[in-house]
């Protein structure tokens, strides 16, 4: 089964990310965890069902992972450029029960199956060569929880619920077939637009809000 796992807001710093979500959703997203194996850290927020929002950034107190980080975070010039352009909700992660079978038909599009943490693997994640986003973020990253799904009890629930998720893209003919073949439950709706952008409509205690 393929399904939406989480949305990723890729930030220059966690403080920037939390402030942006506060402005968009009127919610303060609590701290999540440090990824010592990636030199990153995050804040997380439930969005209903088994879907959540992740704000992710390089951990200034972390150490270099000795390999490319996920979500394109090593390319800080691009992270800052996208952030300043308002492209802050920048990607998403889909879950699969068989990472190798999911990646095999796509000739490296999603990168390699990386077991994490390396010293005591708990899950698999797809990371392209160089650590960038698949198709510059137009395609999802993949996670295989290996029969141990993320515990929603560990992620704060502030009453936010995902209502709709949309991706605008300049050439839908180039991406529609891929999305159909992946058959991901909860994948974004595709809309023609001048550039790649994401928009999530989210019900919050203060009403319907949009995160971009």
C-alpha atoms as a PDB file:
ATOM      1  CA  UNK A   1       0.000   0.000   0.000  1.00  0.00           C
ATOM      2  CA  UNK A   2       1.180   3.504  -0.854  1.00  0.00           C
ATOM      3  CA  UNK A   3      -0.172   6.445   1.160  1.00  0.00           C
ATOM      4  CA  UNK A   4       0.663   9.994   2.166  1.00  0.00           C
ATOM      5  CA  UNK A   5       2.797   9.907   5.321  1.00  0.00           C
ATOM      6  CA  UNK A   6       3.711  13.519   5.969  1.00  0.00           C
ATOM      7  CA  UNK A   7       4.112  16.994   4.487  1.00  0.00           C
ATOM      8  CA  UNK A   8       7.538  18.635   4.689  1.00  0.00           C
ATOM      9  CA  UNK A   9       8.164  22.297   5.295  1.00  0.00           C
ATOM     10  CA  UNK A  10      11.884  22.742   4.568  1.00  0.00           C
ATOM     11  CA  UNK A  11      13.222  25.715   6.506  1.00  0.00           C
ATOM     12  CA  UNK A  12      16.482  27.649   6.828  1.00  0.00           C
ATOM     13  CA  UNK A  13      16.074  27.250  10.607  1.00  0.00           C
ATOM     14  CA  UNK A  14      13.456  25.627  12.812  1.00  0.00           C
ATOM     15  CA  UNK A  15      12.648  29.072  14.211  1.00  0.00           C
ATOM     16  CA  UNK A  16      11.823  30.279  10.693  1.00  0.00           C
ATOM     17  CA  UNK A  17       9.635  27.239  10.090  1.00  0.00           C
ATOM     18  CA  UNK A  18       7.726  27.507  13.349  1.00  0.00           C
ATOM     19  CA  UNK A  19       7.107  31.221  12.776  1.00  0.00           C
ATOM     20  CA  UNK A  20       5.772  30.562   9.277  1.00  0.00           C
ATOM     21  CA  UNK A  21       3.368  27.869  10.460  1.00  0.00           C
ATOM     22  CA  UNK A  22       2.245  30.131  13.294  1.00  0.00           C
ATOM     23  CA  UNK A  23       1.493  32.866  10.766  1.00  0.00           C
ATOM     24  CA  UNK A  24      -0.372  30.474   8.453  1.00  0.00           C
ATOM     25  CA  UNK A  25      -2.199  28.259  10.939  1.00  0.00           C
ATOM     26  CA  UNK A  26      -2.168  30.213  14.216  1.00  0.00           C
ATOM     27  CA  UNK A  27      -0.551  27.188  15.869  1.00  0.00           C
ATOM     28  CA  UNK A  28       2.801  26.752  17.598  1.00  0.00           C
ATOM     29  CA  UNK A  29       4.232  23.429  16.457  1.00  0.00           C
ATOM     30  CA  UNK A  30       6.194  21.725  19.267  1.00  0.00           C
ATOM     31  CA  UNK A  31       9.696  20.341  18.928  1.00  0.00           C
ATOM     32  CA  UNK A  32       9.937  16.829  17.554  1.00  0.00           C
ATOM     33  CA  UNK A  33      13.305  15.103  17.467  1.00  0.00           C
ATOM     34  CA  UNK A  34      16.960  15.329  16.497  1.00  0.00           C
ATOM     35  CA  UNK A  35      18.277  13.140  13.690  1.00  0.00           C
ATOM     36  CA  UNK A  36      21.899  12.581  14.712  1.00  0.00           C
ATOM     37  CA  UNK A  37      22.367  10.365  11.646  1.00  0.00           C
ATOM     38  CA  UNK A  38      21.370  13.257   9.318  1.00  0.00           C
ATOM     39  CA  UNK A  39      22.485  16.350  11.223  1.00  0.00           C
ATOM     40  CA  UNK A  40      18.921  17.654  11.141  1.00  0.00           C
ATOM     41  CA  UNK A  41      16.036  18.219  13.559  1.00  0.00           C
ATOM     42  CA  UNK A  42      12.319  18.854  13.319  1.00  0.00           C
ATOM     43  CA  UNK A  43       9.018  19.976  14.784  1.00  0.00           C
ATOM     44  CA  UNK A  44       5.915  17.864  14.128  1.00  0.00           C
ATOM     45  CA  UNK A  45       2.130  18.275  14.163  1.00  0.00           C
ATOM     46  CA  UNK A  46      -0.661  15.770  13.572  1.00  0.00           C
ATOM     47  CA  UNK A  47      -2.956  16.479  10.618  1.00  0.00           C
ATOM     48  CA  UNK A  48      -5.486  13.693  11.133  1.00  0.00           C
ATOM     49  CA  UNK A  49      -5.447  10.002  10.355  1.00  0.00           C
ATOM     50  CA  UNK A  50      -1.855   8.863  10.051  1.00  0.00           C
ATOM     51  CA  UNK A  51      -0.693  12.095   8.377  1.00  0.00           C
ATOM     52  CA  UNK A  52       1.433  14.785   9.986  1.00  0.00           C
ATOM     53  CA  UNK A  53       3.344  17.972   9.205  1.00  0.00           C
ATOM     54  CA  UNK A  54       7.117  18.087   9.610  1.00  0.00           C
ATOM     55  CA  UNK A  55       9.158  21.280   9.838  1.00  0.00           C
ATOM     56  CA  UNK A  56      12.737  20.218   9.114  1.00  0.00           C
ATOM     57  CA  UNK A  57      16.055  22.095   9.099  1.00  0.00           C
ATOM     58  CA  UNK A  58      19.774  21.543   9.613  1.00  0.00           C
ATOM     59  CA  UNK A  59      20.605  21.147  13.292  1.00  0.00           C
ATOM     60  CA  UNK A  60      23.273  23.760  14.130  1.00  0.00           C
ATOM     61  CA  UNK A  61      24.288  21.631  17.129  1.00  0.00           C
ATOM     62  CA  UNK A  62      24.485  18.474  15.056  1.00  0.00           C
ATOM     63  CA  UNK A  63      27.448  16.959  13.290  1.00  0.00           C
ATOM     64  CA  UNK A  64      27.965  16.227   9.608  1.00  0.00           C
ATOM     65  CA  UNK A  65      26.392  12.879   8.724  1.00  0.00           C
ATOM     66  CA  UNK A  66      29.218  11.987   6.353  1.00  0.00           C
ATOM     67  CA  UNK A  67      26.711  11.633   3.506  1.00  0.00           C
ATOM     68  CA  UNK A  68      24.213  13.946   1.776  1.00  0.00           C
ATOM     69  CA  UNK A  69      21.366  15.010   4.043  1.00  0.00           C
ATOM     70  CA  UNK A  70      17.763  14.396   3.069  1.00  0.00           C
ATOM     71  CA  UNK A  71      15.301  17.000   1.677  1.00  0.00           C
ATOM     72  CA  UNK A  72      18.027  18.927  -0.166  1.00  0.00           C
ATOM     73  CA  UNK A  73      19.154  20.536   3.077  1.00  0.00           C
ATOM     74  CA  UNK A  74      22.835  20.569   2.116  1.00  0.00           C
ATOM     75  CA  UNK A  75      21.975  23.064  -0.639  1.00  0.00           C
ATOM     76  CA  UNK A  76      21.308  25.971   1.665  1.00  0.00           C
ATOM     77  CA  UNK A  77      21.412  28.493  -1.177  1.00  0.00           C
ATOM     78  CA  UNK A  78      18.384  26.800  -2.725  1.00  0.00           C
ATOM     79  CA  UNK A  79      16.656  26.369   0.648  1.00  0.00           C
ATOM     80  CA  UNK A  80      16.966  30.124   1.278  1.00  0.00           C
ATOM     81  CA  UNK A  81      15.997  31.028  -2.279  1.00  0.00           C
ATOM     82  CA  UNK A  82      12.839  28.909  -2.123  1.00  0.00           C
ATOM     83  CA  UNK A  83      12.028  30.252   1.319  1.00  0.00           C
ATOM     84  CA  UNK A  84      12.293  33.867   0.201  1.00  0.00           C
ATOM     85  CA  UNK A  85      10.157  33.071  -2.845  1.00  0.00           C
ATOM     86  CA  UNK A  86       7.415  31.707  -0.575  1.00  0.00           C
ATOM     87  CA  UNK A  87       7.954  28.066  -1.545  1.00  0.00           C
ATOM     88  CA  UNK A  88       8.091  26.784   2.002  1.00  0.00           C
ATOM     89  CA  UNK A  89       5.829  23.754   1.987  1.00  0.00           C
ATOM     90  CA  UNK A  90       8.301  22.133  -0.330  1.00  0.00           C
ATOM     91  CA  UNK A  91       7.652  18.417  -0.474  1.00  0.00           C
ATOM     92  CA  UNK A  92       6.002  15.342   0.946  1.00  0.00           C
ATOM     93  CA  UNK A  93       6.746  11.792   1.972  1.00  0.00           C
ATOM     94  CA  UNK A  94       4.772   8.694   0.992  1.00  0.00           C
ATOM     95  CA  UNK A  95       4.913   5.420   2.868  1.00  0.00           C
ATOM     96  CA  UNK A  96       5.381   2.002   1.348  1.00  0.00           C
ATOM     97  CA  UNK A  97       5.469  -1.514   2.748  1.00  0.00           C
ATOM     98  CA  UNK A  98       8.185  -2.572   0.296  1.00  0.00           C
ATOM     99  CA  UNK A  99      10.740   0.110  -0.472  1.00  0.00           C
ATOM    100  CA  UNK A 100      12.825  -1.904  -2.915  1.00  0.00           C
ATOM    101  CA  UNK A 101       9.795  -2.941  -4.990  1.00  0.00           C
ATOM    102  CA  UNK A 102       8.559   0.659  -5.017  1.00  0.00           C
ATOM    103  CA  UNK A 103      11.865   2.130  -6.196  1.00  0.00           C
ATOM    104  CA  UNK A 104      12.858  -0.558  -8.704  1.00  0.00           C
ATOM    105  CA  UNK A 105      10.658   0.457 -11.686  1.00  0.00           C
ATOM    106  CA  UNK A 106      11.748   4.098 -11.612  1.00  0.00           C
ATOM    107  CA  UNK A 107      15.417   3.949 -12.617  1.00  0.00           C
ATOM    108  CA  UNK A 108      16.876   6.001  -9.787  1.00  0.00           C
ATOM    109  CA  UNK A 109      14.214   8.717  -9.833  1.00  0.00           C
ATOM    110  CA  UNK A 110      13.740   8.490  -6.078  1.00  0.00           C
ATOM    111  CA  UNK A 111      17.343   7.672  -5.238  1.00  0.00           C
ATOM    112  CA  UNK A 112      18.634   4.871  -3.055  1.00  0.00           C
ATOM    113  CA  UNK A 113      17.021   2.919  -0.241  1.00  0.00           C
ATOM    114  CA  UNK A 114      18.889   4.106   2.872  1.00  0.00           C
ATOM    115  CA  UNK A 115      18.490   2.286   6.186  1.00  0.00           C
ATOM    116  CA  UNK A 116      18.317   4.642   9.168  1.00  0.00           C
ATOM    117  CA  UNK A 117      19.780   5.070  11.713  1.00  0.00           C
ATOM    118  CA  UNK A 118      22.758   3.310  10.076  1.00  0.00           C
ATOM    119  CA  UNK A 119      24.015   1.678  13.274  1.00  0.00           C
ATOM    120  CA  UNK A 120      20.614   0.234  14.269  1.00  0.00           C
ATOM    121  CA  UNK A 121      18.150   0.579  11.374  1.00  0.00           C
ATOM    122  CA  UNK A 122      14.522   1.230  12.264  1.00  0.00           C
ATOM    123  CA  UNK A 123      13.175   2.446   8.927  1.00  0.00           C
ATOM    124  CA  UNK A 124      14.098   2.911   5.284  1.00  0.00           C
ATOM    125  CA  UNK A 125      14.128   6.226   3.433  1.00  0.00           C
ATOM    126  CA  UNK A 126      14.699   7.085  -0.229  1.00  0.00           C
ATOM    127  CA  UNK A 127      17.431   9.668  -0.796  1.00  0.00           C
ATOM    128  CA  UNK A 128      18.574  10.718  -4.287  1.00  0.00           C
ATOM    129  CA  UNK A 129      22.261  11.002  -5.110  1.00  0.00           C
ATOM    130  CA  UNK A 130      23.379  14.352  -3.703  1.00  0.00           C
ATOM    131  CA  UNK A 131      20.469  14.475  -1.270  1.00  0.00           C
ATOM    132  CA  UNK A 132      18.150  16.623  -3.381  1.00  0.00           C
ATOM    133  CA  UNK A 133      14.383  16.320  -3.683  1.00  0.00           C
ATOM    134  CA  UNK A 134      13.013  13.866  -6.286  1.00  0.00           C
ATOM    135  CA  UNK A 135      12.144  15.828  -9.436  1.00  0.00           C
ATOM    136  CA  UNK A 136      12.969  18.998  -7.474  1.00  0.00           C
ATOM    137  CA  UNK A 137      10.137  18.122  -5.087  1.00  0.00           C
ATOM    138  CA  UNK A 138       7.486  17.281  -7.674  1.00  0.00           C
ATOM    139  CA  UNK A 139       7.731  13.607  -6.703  1.00  0.00           C
ATOM    140  CA  UNK A 140       7.590  12.294  -3.139  1.00  0.00           C
ATOM    141  CA  UNK A 141      10.293  10.900  -0.961  1.00  0.00           C
ATOM    142  CA  UNK A 142       9.521   7.414   0.368  1.00  0.00           C
ATOM    143  CA  UNK A 143       9.568   5.913   3.840  1.00  0.00           C
ATOM    144  CA  UNK A 144       9.257   2.262   4.830  1.00  0.00           C
ATOM    145  CA  UNK A 145       8.391   1.988   8.519  1.00  0.00           C
ATOM    146  CA  UNK A 146       9.203  -1.730   8.479  1.00  0.00           C
ATOM    147  CA  UNK A 147       6.085  -2.799  10.378  1.00  0.00           C
ATOM    148  CA  UNK A 148       6.676  -0.101  13.012  1.00  0.00           C
ATOM    149  CA  UNK A 149       4.592   2.894  11.887  1.00  0.00           C
ATOM    150  CA  UNK A 150       5.226   6.305  13.372  1.00  0.00           C
ATOM    151  CA  UNK A 151       3.407   6.505  16.693  1.00  0.00           C
ATOM    152  CA  UNK A 152       0.852   9.282  16.459  1.00  0.00           C
ATOM    153  CA  UNK A 153       0.941   9.376  20.256  1.00  0.00           C
ATOM    154  CA  UNK A 154       4.447  10.826  19.938  1.00  0.00           C
ATOM    155  CA  UNK A 155       3.273  13.675  17.685  1.00  0.00           C
ATOM    156  CA  UNK A 156       1.342  16.595  19.203  1.00  0.00           C
ATOM    157  CA  UNK A 157      -2.316  16.924  18.224  1.00  0.00           C
ATOM    158  CA  UNK A 158      -3.416  20.576  18.321  1.00  0.00           C
ATOM    159  CA  UNK A 159      -6.652  19.984  16.438  1.00  0.00           C
ATOM    160  CA  UNK A 160      -5.308  20.562  12.915  1.00  0.00           C
ATOM    161  CA  UNK A 161      -6.849  18.413  10.176  1.00  0.00           C
ATOM    162  CA  UNK A 162      -5.752  18.258   6.556  1.00  0.00           C
ATOM    163  CA  UNK A 163      -8.663  19.078   4.228  1.00  0.00           C
ATOM    164  CA  UNK A 164      -6.955  19.263   0.841  1.00  0.00           C
ATOM    165  CA  UNK A 165      -3.450  19.046  -0.595  1.00  0.00           C
ATOM    166  CA  UNK A 166      -2.598  20.514  -4.011  1.00  0.00           C
ATOM    167  CA  UNK A 167       0.481  20.735  -6.210  1.00  0.00           C
ATOM    168  CA  UNK A 168       0.704  23.197  -9.074  1.00  0.00           C
ATOM    169  CA  UNK A 169       3.091  22.206 -11.838  1.00  0.00           C
ATOM    170  CA  UNK A 170       4.009  23.779 -15.195  1.00  0.00           C
ATOM    171  CA  UNK A 171       3.714  20.608 -17.315  1.00  0.00           C
ATOM    172  CA  UNK A 172       1.046  18.251 -16.030  1.00  0.00           C
ATOM    173  CA  UNK A 173       1.522  15.912 -18.990  1.00  0.00           C
ATOM    174  CA  UNK A 174       5.033  15.174 -17.695  1.00  0.00           C
ATOM    175  CA  UNK A 175       3.900  14.252 -14.185  1.00  0.00           C
ATOM    176  CA  UNK A 176       0.371  12.842 -14.389  1.00  0.00           C
ATOM    177  CA  UNK A 177       1.448   9.420 -15.639  1.00  0.00           C
ATOM    178  CA  UNK A 178       3.952   9.061 -12.810  1.00  0.00           C
ATOM    179  CA  UNK A 179       1.337   9.912 -10.206  1.00  0.00           C
ATOM    180  CA  UNK A 180      -1.125   7.458 -11.711  1.00  0.00           C
ATOM    181  CA  UNK A 181       1.459   4.682 -11.674  1.00  0.00           C
ATOM    182  CA  UNK A 182       2.397   5.340  -8.040  1.00  0.00           C
ATOM    183  CA  UNK A 183      -1.240   5.164  -6.885  1.00  0.00           C
ATOM    184  CA  UNK A 184      -0.625   6.943  -3.575  1.00  0.00           C
ATOM    185  CA  UNK A 185      -3.616   7.412  -1.309  1.00  0.00           C
ATOM    186  CA  UNK A 186      -3.707  11.067  -0.272  1.00  0.00           C
ATOM    187  CA  UNK A 187      -1.327  12.277  -3.007  1.00  0.00           C
ATOM    188  CA  UNK A 188      -1.757  15.943  -3.899  1.00  0.00           C
ATOM    189  CA  UNK A 189      -4.294  17.005  -6.483  1.00  0.00           C
ATOM    190  CA  UNK A 190      -2.492  18.251  -9.603  1.00  0.00           C
ATOM    191  CA  UNK A 191      -3.202  21.716 -10.994  1.00  0.00           C
ATOM    192  CA  UNK A 192      -1.512  23.533 -13.879  1.00  0.00           C
ATOM    193  CA  UNK A 193       0.531  26.557 -12.814  1.00  0.00           C
ATOM    194  CA  UNK A 194       3.580  28.607 -13.686  1.00  0.00           C
ATOM    195  CA  UNK A 195       5.878  26.902 -11.159  1.00  0.00           C
ATOM    196  CA  UNK A 196       6.007  24.031  -8.721  1.00  0.00           C
ATOM    197  CA  UNK A 197       4.202  24.968  -5.523  1.00  0.00           C
ATOM    198  CA  UNK A 198       2.296  23.152  -2.791  1.00  0.00           C
ATOM    199  CA  UNK A 199      -0.756  24.279  -0.834  1.00  0.00           C
ATOM    200  CA  UNK A 200      -2.413  22.513   2.075  1.00  0.00           C
ATOM    201  CA  UNK A 201      -5.849  23.549   3.300  1.00  0.00           C
ATOM    202  CA  UNK A 202      -6.033  22.740   7.006  1.00  0.00           C
ATOM    203  CA  UNK A 203      -8.885  23.014   9.485  1.00  0.00           C
ATOM    204  CA  UNK A 204      -7.636  24.479  12.765  1.00  0.00           C
ATOM    205  CA  UNK A 205      -9.326  25.555  15.997  1.00  0.00           C
ATOM    206  CA  UNK A 206      -9.359  29.099  14.566  1.00  0.00           C
ATOM    207  CA  UNK A 207     -10.877  28.053  11.234  1.00  0.00           C
ATOM    208  CA  UNK A 208      -9.791  26.910   7.772  1.00  0.00           C
ATOM    209  CA  UNK A 209      -6.239  28.020   7.002  1.00  0.00           C
ATOM    210  CA  UNK A 210      -3.780  27.559   4.145  1.00  0.00           C
ATOM    211  CA  UNK A 211      -0.151  26.464   4.435  1.00  0.00           C
ATOM    212  CA  UNK A 212       2.203  27.118   1.505  1.00  0.00           C
END
